[in-house]
Amino acid sequence: MGKEYRAKVFKSGNSLALRLPKELGLKEGSTMVLREERAGFVIEPEETPRPKIDISGFAGKAPGIKLAPREDFEERPSTIAAREAARKAREAK
């Protein structure tokens, strides 16, 4: 079993507040989740979402690497016809 800490509940406005000891190492402004369980209450830090990495600036930075063709959709017939017409116009020149 870990260390035992004592915390005091006090009134803050129209709510009750629980003052947690500094020794717990919590950061100011962090959000905690309070869950009621059979044995009592469980207080734990809220899970923060992992930061996402923006890779949009990497496109074209590595010479020799070709983008994979997109095969997750079917092209419209009008798009195919327009591409064929443009190809024929280039060949006619």
PDB file of N, CA and C in Angstrom:
ATOM      1  N   MET A   1       0.852  -1.175   0.000  1.00  0.00           N
ATOM      2  CA  MET A   1       0.000   0.000   0.000  1.00  0.00           C
ATOM      3  C   MET A   1       0.895   1.234   0.000  1.00  0.00           C
ATOM      4  N   GLY A   2       0.467   2.290  -0.687  1.00  0.00           N
ATOM      5  CA  GLY A   2       1.254   3.509  -0.785  1.00  0.00           C
ATOM      6  C   GLY A   2       1.108   4.388   0.440  1.00  0.00           C
ATOM      7  N   LYS A   3       1.649   5.577   0.335  1.00  0.00           N
ATOM      8  CA  LYS A   3       1.547   6.540   1.437  1.00  0.00           C
ATOM      9  C   LYS A   3       0.112   6.968   1.646  1.00  0.00           C
ATOM     10  N   GLU A   4      -0.172   7.418   2.824  1.00  0.00           N
ATOM     11  CA  GLU A   4      -1.507   7.912   3.147  1.00  0.00           C
ATOM     12  C   GLU A   4      -1.440   9.419   3.318  1.00  0.00           C
ATOM     13  N   TYR A   5      -2.368  10.106   2.711  1.00  0.00           N
ATOM     14  CA  TYR A   5      -2.447  11.565   2.805  1.00  0.00           C
ATOM     15  C   TYR A   5      -3.806  11.956   3.372  1.00  0.00           C
ATOM     16  N   ARG A   6      -3.818  13.017   4.080  1.00  0.00           N
ATOM     17  CA  ARG A   6      -5.064  13.569   4.611  1.00  0.00           C
ATOM     18  C   ARG A   6      -5.379  14.848   3.852  1.00  0.00           C
ATOM     19  N   ALA A   7      -6.639  15.011   3.480  1.00  0.00           N
ATOM     20  CA  ALA A   7      -7.064  16.199   2.751  1.00  0.00           C
ATOM     21  C   ALA A   7      -8.338  16.719   3.401  1.00  0.00           C
ATOM     22  N   LYS A   8      -8.505  18.012   3.376  1.00  0.00           N
ATOM     23  CA  LYS A   8      -9.634  18.640   4.035  1.00  0.00           C
ATOM     24  C   LYS A   8     -10.663  19.103   3.018  1.00  0.00           C
ATOM     25  N   VAL A   9     -11.925  18.836   3.294  1.00  0.00           N
ATOM     26  CA  VAL A   9     -13.023  19.314   2.467  1.00  0.00           C
ATOM     27  C   VAL A   9     -13.480  20.644   3.046  1.00  0.00           C
ATOM     28  N   PHE A  10     -13.668  21.634   2.175  1.00  0.00           N
ATOM     29  CA  PHE A  10     -14.127  22.949   2.632  1.00  0.00           C
ATOM     30  C   PHE A  10     -15.131  23.499   1.641  1.00  0.00           C
ATOM     31  N   LYS A  11     -15.861  24.521   2.078  1.00  0.00           N
ATOM     32  CA  LYS A  11     -16.869  25.139   1.234  1.00  0.00           C
ATOM     33  C   LYS A  11     -16.213  26.219   0.388  1.00  0.00           C
ATOM     34  N   SER A  12     -16.529  26.205  -0.915  1.00  0.00           N
ATOM     35  CA  SER A  12     -16.031  27.209  -1.841  1.00  0.00           C
ATOM     36  C   SER A  12     -17.222  27.671  -2.674  1.00  0.00           C
ATOM     37  N   GLY A  13     -17.769  28.818  -2.343  1.00  0.00           N
ATOM     38  CA  GLY A  13     -18.989  29.282  -3.005  1.00  0.00           C
ATOM     39  C   GLY A  13     -20.135  28.376  -2.610  1.00  0.00           C
ATOM     40  N   ASN A  14     -20.858  27.858  -3.597  1.00  0.00           N
ATOM     41  CA  ASN A  14     -21.951  26.924  -3.319  1.00  0.00           C
ATOM     42  C   ASN A  14     -21.518  25.470  -3.489  1.00  0.00           C
ATOM     43  N   SER A  15     -20.224  25.230  -3.595  1.00  0.00           N
ATOM     44  CA  SER A  15     -19.700  23.874  -3.801  1.00  0.00           C
ATOM     45  C   SER A  15     -18.819  23.466  -2.640  1.00  0.00           C
ATOM     46  N   LEU A  16     -18.491  22.194  -2.606  1.00  0.00           N
ATOM     47  CA  LEU A  16     -17.499  21.692  -1.675  1.00  0.00           C
ATOM     48  C   LEU A  16     -16.219  21.457  -2.458  1.00  0.00           C
ATOM     49  N   ALA A  17     -15.103  21.715  -1.841  1.00  0.00           N
ATOM     50  CA  ALA A  17     -13.808  21.551  -2.496  1.00  0.00           C
ATOM     51  C   ALA A  17     -12.935  20.652  -1.648  1.00  0.00           C
ATOM     52  N   LEU A  18     -12.032  19.957  -2.316  1.00  0.00           N
ATOM     53  CA  LEU A  18     -11.099  19.072  -1.629  1.00  0.00           C
ATOM     54  C   LEU A  18      -9.700  19.594  -1.915  1.00  0.00           C
ATOM     55  N   ARG A  19      -9.007  19.983  -0.881  1.00  0.00           N
ATOM     56  CA  ARG A  19      -7.644  20.509  -1.028  1.00  0.00           C
ATOM     57  C   ARG A  19      -6.682  19.334  -0.946  1.00  0.00           C
ATOM     58  N   LEU A  20      -5.906  19.142  -2.032  1.00  0.00           N
ATOM     59  CA  LEU A  20      -4.977  18.016  -2.084  1.00  0.00           C
ATOM     60  C   LEU A  20      -3.580  18.474  -1.716  1.00  0.00           C
ATOM     61  N   PRO A  21      -2.820  17.632  -1.016  1.00  0.00           N
ATOM     62  CA  PRO A  21      -1.478  18.013  -0.592  1.00  0.00           C
ATOM     63  C   PRO A  21      -0.523  18.213  -1.781  1.00  0.00           C
ATOM     64  N   LYS A  22       0.401  19.141  -1.617  1.00  0.00           N
ATOM     65  CA  LYS A  22       1.393  19.455  -2.636  1.00  0.00           C
ATOM     66  C   LYS A  22       2.291  18.258  -2.929  1.00  0.00           C
ATOM     67  N   GLU A  23       2.488  17.402  -1.935  1.00  0.00           N
ATOM     68  CA  GLU A  23       3.378  16.253  -2.067  1.00  0.00           C
ATOM     69  C   GLU A  23       2.907  15.258  -3.132  1.00  0.00           C
ATOM     70  N   LEU A  24       1.667  15.350  -3.577  1.00  0.00           N
ATOM     71  CA  LEU A  24       1.164  14.437  -4.601  1.00  0.00           C
ATOM     72  C   LEU A  24       1.767  14.736  -5.970  1.00  0.00           C
ATOM     73  N   GLY A  25       2.333  15.923  -6.135  1.00  0.00           N
ATOM     74  CA  GLY A  25       2.993  16.273  -7.388  1.00  0.00           C
ATOM     75  C   GLY A  25       2.051  16.670  -8.510  1.00  0.00           C
ATOM     76  N   LEU A  26       0.847  17.081  -8.178  1.00  0.00           N
ATOM     77  CA  LEU A  26      -0.105  17.518  -9.196  1.00  0.00           C
ATOM     78  C   LEU A  26       0.258  18.909  -9.686  1.00  0.00           C
ATOM     79  N   LYS A  27      -0.058  19.168 -10.951  1.00  0.00           N
ATOM     80  CA  LYS A  27       0.215  20.486 -11.519  1.00  0.00           C
ATOM     81  C   LYS A  27      -1.013  21.371 -11.368  1.00  0.00           C
ATOM     82  N   GLU A  28      -0.761  22.638 -11.144  1.00  0.00           N
ATOM     83  CA  GLU A  28      -1.847  23.606 -11.001  1.00  0.00           C
ATOM     84  C   GLU A  28      -2.640  23.677 -12.296  1.00  0.00           C
ATOM     85  N   GLY A  29      -3.950  23.625 -12.185  1.00  0.00           N
ATOM     86  CA  GLY A  29      -4.816  23.704 -13.349  1.00  0.00           C
ATOM     87  C   GLY A  29      -5.112  22.357 -13.986  1.00  0.00           C
ATOM     88  N   SER A  30      -4.510  21.272 -13.485  1.00  0.00           N
ATOM     89  CA  SER A  30      -4.785  19.955 -14.073  1.00  0.00           C
ATOM     90  C   SER A  30      -6.201  19.520 -13.696  1.00  0.00           C
ATOM     91  N   THR A  31      -6.793  18.696 -14.546  1.00  0.00           N
ATOM     92  CA  THR A  31      -8.158  18.224 -14.332  1.00  0.00           C
ATOM     93  C   THR A  31      -8.110  16.819 -13.752  1.00  0.00           C
ATOM     94  N   MET A  32      -8.917  16.591 -12.742  1.00  0.00           N
ATOM     95  CA  MET A  32      -8.977  15.290 -12.091  1.00  0.00           C
ATOM     96  C   MET A  32     -10.356  14.678 -12.319  1.00  0.00           C
ATOM     97  N   VAL A  33     -10.412  13.352 -12.328  1.00  0.00           N
ATOM     98  CA  VAL A  33     -11.671  12.622 -12.469  1.00  0.00           C
ATOM     99  C   VAL A  33     -11.975  11.989 -11.116  1.00  0.00           C
ATOM    100  N   LEU A  34     -13.180  12.221 -10.615  1.00  0.00           N
ATOM    101  CA  LEU A  34     -13.617  11.663  -9.334  1.00  0.00           C
ATOM    102  C   LEU A  34     -14.677  10.614  -9.645  1.00  0.00           C
ATOM    103  N   ARG A  35     -14.416   9.380  -9.209  1.00  0.00           N
ATOM    104  CA  ARG A  35     -15.312   8.274  -9.484  1.00  0.00           C
ATOM    105  C   ARG A  35     -15.735   7.632  -8.169  1.00  0.00           C
ATOM    106  N   GLU A  36     -17.025   7.399  -8.034  1.00  0.00           N
ATOM    107  CA  GLU A  36     -17.524   6.729  -6.837  1.00  0.00           C
ATOM    108  C   GLU A  36     -17.538   5.231  -7.090  1.00  0.00           C
ATOM    109  N   GLU A  37     -16.889   4.484  -6.208  1.00  0.00           N
ATOM    110  CA  GLU A  37     -16.854   3.031  -6.318  1.00  0.00           C
ATOM    111  C   GLU A  37     -17.361   2.414  -5.027  1.00  0.00           C
ATOM    112  N   ARG A  38     -17.445   1.101  -4.990  1.00  0.00           N
ATOM    113  CA  ARG A  38     -17.988   0.415  -3.814  1.00  0.00           C
ATOM    114  C   ARG A  38     -17.217   0.746  -2.535  1.00  0.00           C
ATOM    115  N   ALA A  39     -15.918   0.800  -2.646  1.00  0.00           N
ATOM    116  CA  ALA A  39     -15.085   1.010  -1.466  1.00  0.00           C
ATOM    117  C   ALA A  39     -14.955   2.487  -1.096  1.00  0.00           C
ATOM    118  N   GLY A  40     -15.418   3.383  -1.940  1.00  0.00           N
ATOM    119  CA  GLY A  40     -15.288   4.815  -1.655  1.00  0.00           C
ATOM    120  C   GLY A  40     -15.126   5.592  -2.946  1.00  0.00           C
ATOM    121  N   PHE A  41     -14.238   6.564  -2.927  1.00  0.00           N
ATOM    122  CA  PHE A  41     -14.004   7.410  -4.087  1.00  0.00           C
ATOM    123  C   PHE A  41     -12.609   7.168  -4.653  1.00  0.00           C
ATOM    124  N   VAL A  42     -12.511   7.285  -5.949  1.00  0.00           N
ATOM    125  CA  VAL A  42     -11.221   7.189  -6.631  1.00  0.00           C
ATOM    126  C   VAL A  42     -11.001   8.501  -7.356  1.00  0.00           C
ATOM    127  N   ILE A  43      -9.867   9.130  -7.107  1.00  0.00           N
ATOM    128  CA  ILE A  43      -9.514  10.388  -7.758  1.00  0.00           C
ATOM    129  C   ILE A  43      -8.263  10.130  -8.583  1.00  0.00           C
ATOM    130  N   GLU A  44      -8.362  10.420  -9.893  1.00  0.00           N
ATOM    131  CA  GLU A  44      -7.220  10.200 -10.773  1.00  0.00           C
ATOM    132  C   GLU A  44      -7.147  11.299 -11.823  1.00  0.00           C
ATOM    133  N   PRO A  45      -5.962  11.538 -12.371  1.00  0.00           N
ATOM    134  CA  PRO A  45      -5.829  12.575 -13.396  1.00  0.00           C
ATOM    135  C   PRO A  45      -6.607  12.200 -14.653  1.00  0.00           C
ATOM    136  N   GLU A  46      -7.160  13.208 -15.305  1.00  0.00           N
ATOM    137  CA  GLU A  46      -7.879  12.988 -16.555  1.00  0.00           C
ATOM    138  C   GLU A  46      -6.881  12.646 -17.649  1.00  0.00           C
ATOM    139  N   GLU A  47      -7.228  11.674 -18.479  1.00  0.00           N
ATOM    140  CA  GLU A  47      -6.341  11.294 -19.580  1.00  0.00           C
ATOM    141  C   GLU A  47      -6.362  12.398 -20.624  1.00  0.00           C
ATOM    142  N   THR A  48      -5.194  12.893 -20.971  1.00  0.00           N
ATOM    143  CA  THR A  48      -5.110  13.927 -21.994  1.00  0.00           C
ATOM    144  C   THR A  48      -4.889  13.254 -23.341  1.00  0.00           C
ATOM    145  N   PRO A  49      -5.524  13.760 -24.379  1.00  0.00           N
ATOM    146  CA  PRO A  49      -5.317  13.146 -25.694  1.00  0.00           C
ATOM    147  C   PRO A  49      -3.883  13.338 -26.155  1.00  0.00           C
ATOM    148  N   ARG A  50      -3.354  12.333 -26.835  1.00  0.00           N
ATOM    149  CA  ARG A  50      -1.991  12.421 -27.335  1.00  0.00           C
ATOM    150  C   ARG A  50      -1.923  13.490 -28.419  1.00  0.00           C
ATOM    151  N   PRO A  51      -0.871  14.293 -28.412  1.00  0.00           N
ATOM    152  CA  PRO A  51      -0.773  15.329 -29.444  1.00  0.00           C
ATOM    153  C   PRO A  51      -0.587  14.701 -30.817  1.00  0.00           C
ATOM    154  N   LYS A  52      -1.227  15.314 -31.810  1.00  0.00           N
ATOM    155  CA  LYS A  52      -1.119  14.820 -33.174  1.00  0.00           C
ATOM    156  C   LYS A  52       0.010  15.549 -33.882  1.00  0.00           C
ATOM    157  N   ILE A  53       0.674  14.839 -34.754  1.00  0.00           N
ATOM    158  CA  ILE A  53       1.792  15.408 -35.505  1.00  0.00           C
ATOM    159  C   ILE A  53       1.287  15.812 -36.879  1.00  0.00           C
ATOM    160  N   ASP A  54       1.566  17.039 -37.273  1.00  0.00           N
ATOM    161  CA  ASP A  54       1.174  17.533 -38.589  1.00  0.00           C
ATOM    162  C   ASP A  54       2.271  17.176 -39.583  1.00  0.00           C
ATOM    163  N   ILE A  55       1.968  16.273 -40.505  1.00  0.00           N
ATOM    164  CA  ILE A  55       2.974  15.845 -41.479  1.00  0.00           C
ATOM    165  C   ILE A  55       2.741  16.475 -42.848  1.00  0.00           C
ATOM    166  N   SER A  56       1.841  17.449 -42.936  1.00  0.00           N
ATOM    167  CA  SER A  56       1.530  18.042 -44.232  1.00  0.00           C
ATOM    168  C   SER A  56       2.733  18.768 -44.830  1.00  0.00           C
ATOM    169  N   GLY A  57       3.660  19.230 -44.032  1.00  0.00           N
ATOM    170  CA  GLY A  57       4.821  19.942 -44.540  1.00  0.00           C
ATOM    171  C   GLY A  57       5.905  19.035 -45.090  1.00  0.00           C
ATOM    172  N   PHE A  58       5.760  17.712 -44.927  1.00  0.00           N
ATOM    173  CA  PHE A  58       6.791  16.789 -45.390  1.00  0.00           C
ATOM    174  C   PHE A  58       6.636  16.390 -46.848  1.00  0.00           C
ATOM    175  N   ALA A  59       5.455  16.630 -47.433  1.00  0.00           N
ATOM    176  CA  ALA A  59       5.206  16.188 -48.805  1.00  0.00           C
ATOM    177  C   ALA A  59       6.213  16.834 -49.754  1.00  0.00           C
ATOM    178  N   GLY A  60       6.858  16.025 -50.544  1.00  0.00           N
ATOM    179  CA  GLY A  60       7.818  16.522 -51.527  1.00  0.00           C
ATOM    180  C   GLY A  60       9.197  16.801 -50.971  1.00  0.00           C
ATOM    181  N   LYS A  61       9.445  16.526 -49.721  1.00  0.00           N
ATOM    182  CA  LYS A  61      10.750  16.814 -49.105  1.00  0.00           C
ATOM    183  C   LYS A  61      11.766  15.703 -49.339  1.00  0.00           C
ATOM    184  N   ALA A  62      11.293  14.500 -49.612  1.00  0.00           N
ATOM    185  CA  ALA A  62      12.205  13.374 -49.796  1.00  0.00           C
ATOM    186  C   ALA A  62      12.272  13.031 -51.283  1.00  0.00           C
ATOM    187  N   PRO A  63      13.384  13.350 -51.953  1.00  0.00           N
ATOM    188  CA  PRO A  63      13.484  13.038 -53.377  1.00  0.00           C
ATOM    189  C   PRO A  63      13.490  11.532 -53.602  1.00  0.00           C
ATOM    190  N   GLY A  64      12.834  11.111 -54.667  1.00  0.00           N
ATOM    191  CA  GLY A  64      12.805   9.695 -54.990  1.00  0.00           C
ATOM    192  C   GLY A  64      11.618   8.949 -54.421  1.00  0.00           C
ATOM    193  N   ILE A  65      10.909   9.552 -53.508  1.00  0.00           N
ATOM    194  CA  ILE A  65       9.739   8.880 -52.933  1.00  0.00           C
ATOM    195  C   ILE A  65       8.509   9.361 -53.695  1.00  0.00           C
ATOM    196  N   LYS A  66       7.751   8.406 -54.212  1.00  0.00           N
ATOM    197  CA  LYS A  66       6.542   8.736 -54.965  1.00  0.00           C
ATOM    198  C   LYS A  66       5.331   8.464 -54.087  1.00  0.00           C
ATOM    199  N   LEU A  67       4.323   9.301 -54.223  1.00  0.00           N
ATOM    200  CA  LEU A  67       3.099   9.101 -53.469  1.00  0.00           C
ATOM    201  C   LEU A  67       2.357   7.898 -54.012  1.00  0.00           C
ATOM    202  N   ALA A  68       1.765   7.130 -53.136  1.00  0.00           N
ATOM    203  CA  ALA A  68       0.980   5.975 -53.540  1.00  0.00           C
ATOM    204  C   ALA A  68      -0.304   6.455 -54.201  1.00  0.00           C
ATOM    205  N   PRO A  69      -0.757   5.762 -55.247  1.00  0.00           N
ATOM    206  CA  PRO A  69      -2.011   6.176 -55.883  1.00  0.00           C
ATOM    207  C   PRO A  69      -3.177   5.942 -54.941  1.00  0.00           C
ATOM    208  N   ARG A  70      -4.145   6.825 -55.008  1.00  0.00           N
ATOM    209  CA  ARG A  70      -5.330   6.675 -54.160  1.00  0.00           C
ATOM    210  C   ARG A  70      -6.278   5.690 -54.803  1.00  0.00           C
ATOM    211  N   GLU A  71      -6.604   4.658 -54.091  1.00  0.00           N
ATOM    212  CA  GLU A  71      -7.503   3.639 -54.608  1.00  0.00           C
ATOM    213  C   GLU A  71      -8.714   3.471 -53.700  1.00  0.00           C
ATOM    214  N   ASP A  72      -8.989   4.475 -52.888  1.00  0.00           N
ATOM    215  CA  ASP A  72     -10.086   4.355 -51.936  1.00  0.00           C
ATOM    216  C   ASP A  72     -11.407   4.896 -52.481  1.00  0.00           C
ATOM    217  N   PHE A  73     -11.435   5.265 -53.783  1.00  0.00           N
ATOM    218  CA  PHE A  73     -12.675   5.736 -54.378  1.00  0.00           C
ATOM    219  C   PHE A  73     -12.657   5.430 -55.866  1.00  0.00           C
ATOM    220  N   GLU A  74     -13.849   5.394 -56.437  1.00  0.00           N
ATOM    221  CA  GLU A  74     -13.956   5.199 -57.872  1.00  0.00           C
ATOM    222  C   GLU A  74     -14.135   6.557 -58.528  1.00  0.00           C
ATOM    223  N   GLU A  75     -13.467   6.749 -59.646  1.00  0.00           N
ATOM    224  CA  GLU A  75     -13.588   8.019 -60.342  1.00  0.00           C
ATOM    225  C   GLU A  75     -14.933   8.104 -61.049  1.00  0.00           C
ATOM    226  N   ARG A  76     -15.430   9.322 -61.166  1.00  0.00           N
ATOM    227  CA  ARG A  76     -16.671   9.552 -61.894  1.00  0.00           C
ATOM    228  C   ARG A  76     -16.408   9.384 -63.385  1.00  0.00           C
ATOM    229  N   PRO A  77     -17.384   8.913 -64.104  1.00  0.00           N
ATOM    230  CA  PRO A  77     -17.214   8.788 -65.558  1.00  0.00           C
ATOM    231  C   PRO A  77     -16.896  10.127 -66.223  1.00  0.00           C
ATOM    232  N   SER A  78     -17.468  11.209 -65.697  1.00  0.00           N
ATOM    233  CA  SER A  78     -17.199  12.524 -66.291  1.00  0.00           C
ATOM    234  C   SER A  78     -15.734  12.918 -66.092  1.00  0.00           C
ATOM    235  N   THR A  79     -15.139  12.547 -64.990  1.00  0.00           N
ATOM    236  CA  THR A  79     -13.729  12.842 -64.743  1.00  0.00           C
ATOM    237  C   THR A  79     -12.837  12.051 -65.694  1.00  0.00           C
ATOM    238  N   ILE A  80     -13.186  10.783 -65.896  1.00  0.00           N
ATOM    239  CA  ILE A  80     -12.414   9.945 -66.815  1.00  0.00           C
ATOM    240  C   ILE A  80     -12.520  10.496 -68.235  1.00  0.00           C
ATOM    241  N   ALA A  81     -13.733  10.880 -68.648  1.00  0.00           N
ATOM    242  CA  ALA A  81     -13.937  11.421 -69.998  1.00  0.00           C
ATOM    243  C   ALA A  81     -13.169  12.724 -70.182  1.00  0.00           C
ATOM    244  N   ALA A  82     -13.154  13.589 -69.167  1.00  0.00           N
ATOM    245  CA  ALA A  82     -12.429  14.864 -69.256  1.00  0.00           C
ATOM    246  C   ALA A  82     -10.931  14.616 -69.372  1.00  0.00           C
ATOM    247  N   ARG A  83     -10.415  13.661 -68.634  1.00  0.00           N
ATOM    248  CA  ARG A  83      -8.990  13.349 -68.703  1.00  0.00           C
ATOM    249  C   ARG A  83      -8.622  12.795 -70.074  1.00  0.00           C
ATOM    250  N   GLU A  84      -9.473  11.922 -70.625  1.00  0.00           N
ATOM    251  CA  GLU A  84      -9.228  11.371 -71.959  1.00  0.00           C
ATOM    252  C   GLU A  84      -9.284  12.468 -73.025  1.00  0.00           C
ATOM    253  N   ALA A  85     -10.234  13.391 -72.895  1.00  0.00           N
ATOM    254  CA  ALA A  85     -10.353  14.487 -73.861  1.00  0.00           C
ATOM    255  C   ALA A  85      -9.119  15.378 -73.801  1.00  0.00           C
ATOM    256  N   ALA A  86      -8.613  15.647 -72.617  1.00  0.00           N
ATOM    257  CA  ALA A  86      -7.413  16.472 -72.465  1.00  0.00           C
ATOM    258  C   ALA A  86      -6.207  15.760 -73.064  1.00  0.00           C
ATOM    259  N   ARG A  87      -6.119  14.444 -72.868  1.00  0.00           N
ATOM    260  CA  ARG A  87      -5.008  13.677 -73.432  1.00  0.00           C
ATOM    261  C   ARG A  87      -5.049  13.703 -74.958  1.00  0.00           C
ATOM    262  N   LYS A  88      -6.249  13.537 -75.524  1.00  0.00           N
ATOM    263  CA  LYS A  88      -6.385  13.565 -76.978  1.00  0.00           C
ATOM    264  C   LYS A  88      -6.059  14.948 -77.539  1.00  0.00           C
ATOM    265  N   ALA A  89      -6.437  16.003 -76.801  1.00  0.00           N
ATOM    266  CA  ALA A  89      -6.136  17.373 -77.250  1.00  0.00           C
ATOM    267  C   ALA A  89      -4.640  17.614 -77.241  1.00  0.00           C
ATOM    268  N   ARG A  90      -3.938  17.073 -76.257  1.00  0.00           N
ATOM    269  CA  ARG A  90      -2.465  17.226 -76.208  1.00  0.00           C
ATOM    270  C   ARG A  90      -1.805  16.473 -77.352  1.00  0.00           C
ATOM    271  N   GLU A  91      -2.312  15.302 -77.647  1.00  0.00           N
ATOM    272  CA  GLU A  91      -1.734  14.502 -78.728  1.00  0.00           C
ATOM    273  C   GLU A  91      -1.994  15.119 -80.096  1.00  0.00           C
ATOM    274  N   ALA A  92      -3.112  15.842 -80.246  1.00  0.00           N
ATOM    275  CA  ALA A  92      -3.474  16.455 -81.516  1.00  0.00           C
ATOM    276  C   ALA A  92      -2.570  17.650 -81.841  1.00  0.00           C
ATOM    277  N   LYS A  93      -1.976  18.230 -80.846  1.00  0.00           N
ATOM    278  CA  LYS A  93      -1.118  19.415 -81.056  1.00  0.00           C
ATOM    279  C   LYS A  93       0.153  19.086 -81.713  1.00  0.00           C
TER     280      LYS A  93
END
